[in-house]
Each structure stands twice: as structure tokens, then as C-alpha cells.
Amino acid sequence: MVRILGTCAALALLLVVSFPFARDAYHRYQVAQRLKPLMNDHDQAAWRDWSGDAVSFGRSLYARCMLTNGQNAIACEPYKVAIQ
């Protein structure tokens, strides 16, 4: 009985500890799927090497687009939508 309760407690603790990591990985996947059609080969290579979160990478792409195309450019709208 004690062994079963200990196993259940260990599994519950494992779930609690792993939940934030799984949630972050899923969010990174979602943002990556929205950004993928907008990225060129250079951006995709930078994404693979990116160690930060997905939204900050999207913000950097959005900022670069704004510098290239001007403030509030329509061409940058897909980046803005992808990081929301």
C-alpha cells in the first residue's frame, strides 16, 4: 500500500515539475508553425540555433521587418499575428 502511494506521489510530482516545460515546448511549436511560412532559409537556421523563447524570436523578426519596411507596414502584419 505504501509503495503504491509512493509511486502515485512520485508520478504526481513528476507531472507538476514537467508541466511548465511541456507547455513551453508546445507554445514554441505553435509559434514556429505560424512563423514557418514567413521565414527564409537564413531565418530558419537562426531559429534552430535560438535558445530563447519563440515569442522573442518572432519579435526580433517583426522588428527587423519594421526597420526594413517602415513603421506599421502592412508587410509586417503576418509577423505581428504570428507572435500573438
Protein backbone atom coordinates (compact mmCIF):
# COMPACT_ATOMS: atom_id res chain seq x y z
CA MET A 1 0.00 0.00 0.00
CA VAL A 2 2.81 2.38 0.92
CA ARG A 3 4.63 1.50 -2.29
CA ILE A 4 1.54 2.34 -4.38
CA LEU A 5 1.03 5.67 -2.60
CA GLY A 6 4.73 6.49 -3.01
CA THR A 7 4.58 5.69 -6.71
CA CYS A 8 1.47 7.85 -7.15
CA ALA A 9 3.11 10.73 -5.28
CA ALA A 10 6.25 10.43 -7.43
CA LEU A 11 4.18 10.46 -10.62
CA ALA A 12 2.21 13.48 -9.43
CA LEU A 13 5.44 15.30 -8.60
CA LEU A 14 6.87 14.41 -12.00
CA LEU A 15 3.78 15.81 -13.74
CA VAL A 16 3.90 19.03 -11.73
CA VAL A 17 7.59 19.54 -12.48
CA SER A 18 7.37 18.70 -16.18
CA PHE A 19 4.21 20.70 -16.98
CA PRO A 20 5.91 24.11 -17.47
CA PHE A 21 8.49 22.58 -19.80
CA ALA A 22 5.86 20.79 -21.86
CA ARG A 23 3.73 23.93 -22.07
CA ASP A 24 6.71 25.99 -23.24
CA ALA A 25 7.66 23.36 -25.83
CA TYR A 26 4.10 23.29 -27.18
CA HIS A 27 3.93 27.10 -27.34
CA ARG A 28 7.28 27.17 -29.17
CA TYR A 29 5.90 24.64 -31.64
CA GLN A 30 2.75 26.70 -32.23
CA VAL A 31 4.64 29.93 -32.86
CA ALA A 32 7.13 28.12 -35.10
CA GLN A 33 4.30 26.74 -37.22
CA ARG A 34 2.84 30.23 -37.64
CA LEU A 35 6.24 31.76 -38.46
CA LYS A 36 7.47 28.99 -40.77
CA PRO A 37 5.79 30.30 -43.96
CA LEU A 38 7.24 33.76 -43.26
CA MET A 39 10.85 32.67 -42.71
CA ASN A 40 13.55 32.28 -45.33
CA ASP A 41 16.41 29.77 -45.06
CA HIS A 42 18.55 32.18 -43.03
CA ASP A 43 15.73 32.77 -40.54
CA GLN A 44 15.07 29.04 -40.19
CA ALA A 45 18.75 28.40 -39.44
CA ALA A 46 18.68 31.16 -36.85
CA TRP A 47 15.51 29.60 -35.35
CA ARG A 48 17.22 26.24 -34.93
CA ASP A 49 20.07 27.94 -33.04
CA TRP A 50 17.78 30.19 -30.98
CA SER A 51 17.89 29.40 -27.28
CA GLY A 52 15.26 31.91 -26.18
CA ASP A 53 11.51 31.62 -26.31
CA ALA A 54 9.50 31.60 -29.51
CA VAL A 55 7.78 34.92 -28.99
CA SER A 56 11.06 36.80 -28.56
CA PHE A 57 12.32 35.30 -31.83
CA GLY A 58 9.11 36.40 -33.54
CA ARG A 59 9.51 39.87 -32.06
CA SER A 60 13.02 40.08 -33.50
CA LEU A 61 11.67 39.14 -36.95
CA TYR A 62 8.90 41.70 -36.56
CA ALA A 63 11.38 44.40 -35.51
CA ARG A 64 13.60 43.61 -38.49
CA CYS A 65 10.59 43.84 -40.80
CA MET A 66 9.65 47.20 -39.30
CA LEU A 67 13.18 48.50 -39.87
CA THR A 68 13.18 47.27 -43.44
CA ASN A 69 9.65 48.29 -44.47
CA GLY A 70 8.92 51.20 -42.16
CA GLN A 71 6.77 51.69 -39.11
CA ASN A 72 3.33 49.99 -39.21
CA ALA A 73 3.98 48.47 -42.63
CA ILE A 74 1.32 46.11 -43.96
CA ALA A 75 4.03 43.62 -44.95
CA CYS A 76 4.86 43.15 -41.25
CA GLU A 77 1.33 42.29 -40.20
CA PRO A 78 1.79 38.49 -40.58
CA TYR A 79 4.68 38.61 -38.10
CA LYS A 80 2.55 40.51 -35.63
CA VAL A 81 -0.26 37.97 -35.95
CA ALA A 82 2.13 35.02 -35.62
CA ILE A 83 3.54 36.14 -32.28
CA GLN A 84 0.19 36.81 -30.62
